[in-house]
């Protein structure tokens, strides 16, 4: 169950990073909406990470949370923010995901 909570925490981490990216270009009411989304996602992400660490090792949980969030925001960056999908970006994202899977298996 705590692995599911950790994955949901990572999704909220992706949410706050996406909101942060949208804040750069937003103005007026859109700015306030994205700022609100940023704060809500940040709080939920960290709270769920805290809950997951009640039974999972802190180092593993933090690495998975950060890694899934990083991989997710790279994917969002490619599709939403039109960032380049170069070979090396995809290669290192793949190695990051493989490392996360490895941590799951040894924990």
C-alpha atoms as a PDB file:
ATOM      1  CA  UNK A   1       0.000   0.000   0.000  1.00  0.00           C
ATOM      2  CA  UNK A   2       2.808   2.446   0.809  1.00  0.00           C
ATOM      3  CA  UNK A   3       4.302   1.933  -2.650  1.00  0.00           C
ATOM      4  CA  UNK A   4       0.981   3.110  -4.110  1.00  0.00           C
ATOM      5  CA  UNK A   5       1.024   6.137  -1.806  1.00  0.00           C
ATOM      6  CA  UNK A   6       4.581   6.847  -2.960  1.00  0.00           C
ATOM      7  CA  UNK A   7       3.567   6.672  -6.630  1.00  0.00           C
ATOM      8  CA  UNK A   8       0.659   9.049  -5.971  1.00  0.00           C
ATOM      9  CA  UNK A   9       3.078  11.392  -4.164  1.00  0.00           C
ATOM     10  CA  UNK A  10       5.271  11.314  -7.278  1.00  0.00           C
ATOM     11  CA  UNK A  11       2.273  12.226  -9.448  1.00  0.00           C
ATOM     12  CA  UNK A  12       1.674  15.262  -7.246  1.00  0.00           C
ATOM     13  CA  UNK A  13       5.372  16.114  -7.582  1.00  0.00           C
ATOM     14  CA  UNK A  14       4.900  16.089 -11.351  1.00  0.00           C
ATOM     15  CA  UNK A  15       1.864  18.302 -10.796  1.00  0.00           C
ATOM     16  CA  UNK A  16       3.756  20.925  -8.823  1.00  0.00           C
ATOM     17  CA  UNK A  17       6.624  20.966 -11.306  1.00  0.00           C
ATOM     18  CA  UNK A  18       4.170  21.355 -14.198  1.00  0.00           C
ATOM     19  CA  UNK A  19       2.397  24.155 -12.351  1.00  0.00           C
ATOM     20  CA  UNK A  20       5.719  25.847 -11.786  1.00  0.00           C
ATOM     21  CA  UNK A  21       6.421  25.698 -15.517  1.00  0.00           C
ATOM     22  CA  UNK A  22       3.004  27.159 -16.322  1.00  0.00           C
ATOM     23  CA  UNK A  23       3.512  29.976 -13.798  1.00  0.00           C
ATOM     24  CA  UNK A  24       6.332  31.400 -15.933  1.00  0.00           C
ATOM     25  CA  UNK A  25       3.921  32.535 -18.649  1.00  0.00           C
ATOM     26  CA  UNK A  26       0.641  32.959 -16.758  1.00  0.00           C
ATOM     27  CA  UNK A  27      -0.900  36.292 -15.806  1.00  0.00           C
ATOM     28  CA  UNK A  28      -3.977  37.439 -13.901  1.00  0.00           C
ATOM     29  CA  UNK A  29      -6.446  34.734 -12.868  1.00  0.00           C
ATOM     30  CA  UNK A  30      -4.491  32.030 -14.697  1.00  0.00           C
ATOM     31  CA  UNK A  31      -1.459  32.899 -12.572  1.00  0.00           C
ATOM     32  CA  UNK A  32      -3.471  32.507  -9.372  1.00  0.00           C
ATOM     33  CA  UNK A  33      -4.925  29.186 -10.582  1.00  0.00           C
ATOM     34  CA  UNK A  34      -1.485  27.762 -11.407  1.00  0.00           C
ATOM     35  CA  UNK A  35      -0.047  29.101  -8.152  1.00  0.00           C
ATOM     36  CA  UNK A  36      -2.879  27.442  -6.212  1.00  0.00           C
ATOM     37  CA  UNK A  37      -2.295  24.176  -8.079  1.00  0.00           C
ATOM     38  CA  UNK A  38       1.428  24.453  -7.295  1.00  0.00           C
ATOM     39  CA  UNK A  39       0.825  24.884  -3.548  1.00  0.00           C
ATOM     40  CA  UNK A  40      -1.789  22.115  -3.337  1.00  0.00           C
ATOM     41  CA  UNK A  41       0.348  19.640  -5.287  1.00  0.00           C
ATOM     42  CA  UNK A  42       3.444  20.542  -3.263  1.00  0.00           C
ATOM     43  CA  UNK A  43       1.716  20.018   0.077  1.00  0.00           C
ATOM     44  CA  UNK A  44       0.046  16.759  -0.990  1.00  0.00           C
ATOM     45  CA  UNK A  45       3.234  15.423  -2.526  1.00  0.00           C
ATOM     46  CA  UNK A  46       5.341  16.007   0.571  1.00  0.00           C
ATOM     47  CA  UNK A  47       2.602  14.762   2.913  1.00  0.00           C
ATOM     48  CA  UNK A  48       2.177  11.532   0.945  1.00  0.00           C
ATOM     49  CA  UNK A  49       5.951  11.082   0.863  1.00  0.00           C
ATOM     50  CA  UNK A  50       5.914  11.439   4.647  1.00  0.00           C
ATOM     51  CA  UNK A  51       3.142   8.819   4.922  1.00  0.00           C
ATOM     52  CA  UNK A  52       5.030   6.406   2.662  1.00  0.00           C
ATOM     53  CA  UNK A  53       8.174   6.717   4.786  1.00  0.00           C
ATOM     54  CA  UNK A  54       6.281   5.408   7.800  1.00  0.00           C
ATOM     55  CA  UNK A  55       7.075   1.872   6.583  1.00  0.00           C
ATOM     56  CA  UNK A  56       9.454   2.279   3.627  1.00  0.00           C
ATOM     57  CA  UNK A  57      13.115   3.174   4.074  1.00  0.00           C
ATOM     58  CA  UNK A  58      13.525   6.953   3.799  1.00  0.00           C
ATOM     59  CA  UNK A  59      16.415   6.771   1.343  1.00  0.00           C
ATOM     60  CA  UNK A  60      14.577   4.426  -1.001  1.00  0.00           C
ATOM     61  CA  UNK A  61      11.297   6.328  -0.761  1.00  0.00           C
ATOM     62  CA  UNK A  62      12.957   9.667  -1.426  1.00  0.00           C
ATOM     63  CA  UNK A  63      14.939   8.299  -4.378  1.00  0.00           C
ATOM     64  CA  UNK A  64      11.812   6.770  -5.923  1.00  0.00           C
ATOM     65  CA  UNK A  65       9.750   9.915  -5.291  1.00  0.00           C
ATOM     66  CA  UNK A  66      12.391  12.131  -6.841  1.00  0.00           C
ATOM     67  CA  UNK A  67      13.154   9.770  -9.707  1.00  0.00           C
ATOM     68  CA  UNK A  68       9.544   9.207 -10.749  1.00  0.00           C
ATOM     69  CA  UNK A  69       8.893  12.921 -10.463  1.00  0.00           C
ATOM     70  CA  UNK A  70      11.934  13.741 -12.577  1.00  0.00           C
ATOM     71  CA  UNK A  71      11.057  11.188 -15.245  1.00  0.00           C
ATOM     72  CA  UNK A  72       7.448  12.363 -15.277  1.00  0.00           C
ATOM     73  CA  UNK A  73       8.321  16.027 -15.666  1.00  0.00           C
ATOM     74  CA  UNK A  74      10.726  15.199 -18.500  1.00  0.00           C
ATOM     75  CA  UNK A  75       7.845  13.490 -20.295  1.00  0.00           C
ATOM     76  CA  UNK A  76       5.524  16.443 -19.547  1.00  0.00           C
ATOM     77  CA  UNK A  77       8.256  18.797 -20.722  1.00  0.00           C
ATOM     78  CA  UNK A  78       8.508  16.989 -24.041  1.00  0.00           C
ATOM     79  CA  UNK A  79       4.766  16.834 -24.704  1.00  0.00           C
ATOM     80  CA  UNK A  80       3.470  20.009 -23.020  1.00  0.00           C
ATOM     81  CA  UNK A  81       6.393  22.429 -23.014  1.00  0.00           C
ATOM     82  CA  UNK A  82       7.835  21.243 -26.367  1.00  0.00           C
ATOM     83  CA  UNK A  83      11.279  20.478 -24.932  1.00  0.00           C
ATOM     84  CA  UNK A  84      13.594  18.403 -27.152  1.00  0.00           C
ATOM     85  CA  UNK A  85      13.491  14.602 -26.914  1.00  0.00           C
ATOM     86  CA  UNK A  86      17.129  13.933 -27.724  1.00  0.00           C
ATOM     87  CA  UNK A  87      18.721  10.513 -27.630  1.00  0.00           C
ATOM     88  CA  UNK A  88      20.759  11.308 -24.514  1.00  0.00           C
ATOM     89  CA  UNK A  89      17.779  12.715 -22.598  1.00  0.00           C
ATOM     90  CA  UNK A  90      15.791   9.571 -23.323  1.00  0.00           C
ATOM     91  CA  UNK A  91      18.789   7.345 -22.549  1.00  0.00           C
ATOM     92  CA  UNK A  92      19.381   8.861 -19.131  1.00  0.00           C
ATOM     93  CA  UNK A  93      15.665   8.924 -18.320  1.00  0.00           C
ATOM     94  CA  UNK A  94      15.571   5.204 -19.123  1.00  0.00           C
ATOM     95  CA  UNK A  95      18.531   4.534 -16.818  1.00  0.00           C
ATOM     96  CA  UNK A  96      16.804   6.581 -14.115  1.00  0.00           C
ATOM     97  CA  UNK A  97      13.646   4.475 -14.381  1.00  0.00           C
ATOM     98  CA  UNK A  98      15.709   1.268 -14.391  1.00  0.00           C
ATOM     99  CA  UNK A  99      17.401   2.438 -11.172  1.00  0.00           C
ATOM    100  CA  UNK A 100      14.015   3.104  -9.561  1.00  0.00           C
ATOM    101  CA  UNK A 101      12.807  -0.384 -10.486  1.00  0.00           C
ATOM    102  CA  UNK A 102      16.040  -1.789  -9.049  1.00  0.00           C
ATOM    103  CA  UNK A 103      15.460   0.036  -5.758  1.00  0.00           C
ATOM    104  CA  UNK A 104      11.955  -1.419  -5.574  1.00  0.00           C
ATOM    105  CA  UNK A 105      13.287  -4.934  -6.011  1.00  0.00           C
ATOM    106  CA  UNK A 106      15.941  -4.639  -3.317  1.00  0.00           C
ATOM    107  CA  UNK A 107      13.672  -2.956  -0.746  1.00  0.00           C
END
